[in-house]
Amino acid sequence: MSELQRIEFLIQRDGEAAARAWVERTLQIYRDAVALGGHASVPPYRPLFDEAIREFESWLAEHPALSSDA
């Protein structure tokens, strides 16, 4: 399952704000996992983590947070 499918599921279940918070948290967890040099940084896992990170970054760029000042 792609991360985009997971995000869509979360939006339907919990709403976009909750999904965005999940994406932001999970993106940081994945970045940290790759940087720490554990299993997330070696084949065959590294390409999977890299793709997930790209999908999270892309989704965040396409769905900017709503300003709470509006």
Protein backbone atom coordinates (compact mmCIF):
# COMPACT_ATOMS: atom_id res chain seq x y z
CA MET A 1 0.00 0.00 0.00
CA SER A 2 1.35 3.41 -0.88
CA GLU A 3 1.60 6.09 1.75
CA LEU A 4 -0.85 8.15 -0.28
CA GLN A 5 -3.46 5.43 0.18
CA ARG A 6 -2.79 5.38 3.92
CA ILE A 7 -3.16 9.16 4.04
CA GLU A 8 -6.45 9.03 2.14
CA PHE A 9 -7.74 6.42 4.59
CA LEU A 10 -6.78 8.66 7.52
CA ILE A 11 -8.46 11.68 5.94
CA GLN A 12 -11.68 9.72 5.52
CA ARG A 13 -11.50 8.30 9.03
CA ASP A 14 -10.10 11.20 11.08
CA GLY A 15 -10.14 14.33 8.92
CA GLU A 16 -7.42 16.22 7.11
CA ALA A 17 -5.94 17.96 10.17
CA ALA A 18 -5.40 14.66 11.98
CA ALA A 19 -4.02 13.06 8.83
CA ARG A 20 -1.61 15.96 8.37
CA ALA A 21 -0.38 15.61 11.94
CA TRP A 22 0.19 11.89 11.34
CA VAL A 23 2.09 12.59 8.10
CA GLU A 24 4.33 15.15 9.82
CA ARG A 25 5.11 12.78 12.72
CA THR A 26 5.68 9.76 10.53
CA LEU A 27 7.85 11.71 8.10
CA GLN A 28 10.14 12.72 10.94
CA ILE A 29 10.24 9.16 12.27
CA TYR A 30 11.19 7.82 8.83
CA ARG A 31 13.85 10.50 8.28
CA ASP A 32 15.36 9.73 11.68
CA ALA A 33 15.31 5.99 11.01
CA VAL A 34 17.22 6.43 7.75
CA ALA A 35 19.71 8.86 9.31
CA LEU A 36 20.46 6.59 12.27
CA GLY A 37 21.83 3.90 9.98
CA GLY A 38 19.69 1.02 11.23
CA HIS A 39 17.63 -1.36 9.13
CA ALA A 40 15.86 1.56 7.44
CA SER A 41 19.11 2.59 5.79
CA VAL A 42 20.05 -0.74 4.16
CA PRO A 43 18.67 -2.71 1.22
CA PRO A 44 15.96 -3.74 0.72
CA TYR A 45 14.42 -1.25 3.16
CA ARG A 46 16.14 2.01 2.20
CA PRO A 47 14.34 2.42 -1.13
CA LEU A 48 11.01 1.81 0.58
CA PHE A 49 11.70 4.43 3.23
CA ASP A 50 12.98 6.88 0.60
CA GLU A 51 9.81 6.45 -1.47
CA ALA A 52 7.60 6.91 1.58
CA ILE A 53 9.50 10.07 2.53
CA ARG A 54 9.03 11.46 -0.99
CA GLU A 55 5.30 10.70 -0.87
CA PHE A 56 4.91 12.38 2.51
CA GLU A 57 6.86 15.46 1.37
CA SER A 58 4.84 15.67 -1.84
CA TRP A 59 1.53 15.37 0.00
CA LEU A 60 2.51 18.04 2.50
CA ALA A 61 3.56 20.38 -0.33
CA GLU A 62 0.24 19.84 -2.10
CA HIS A 63 -1.84 20.24 1.08
CA PRO A 64 -0.56 23.27 2.98
CA ALA A 65 -1.70 23.63 6.55
CA LEU A 66 -4.65 25.93 7.06
CA SER A 67 -3.80 29.03 9.00
CA SER A 68 -5.37 29.16 12.44
CA ASP A 69 -5.47 32.94 12.10
CA ALA A 70 -8.12 32.87 9.35
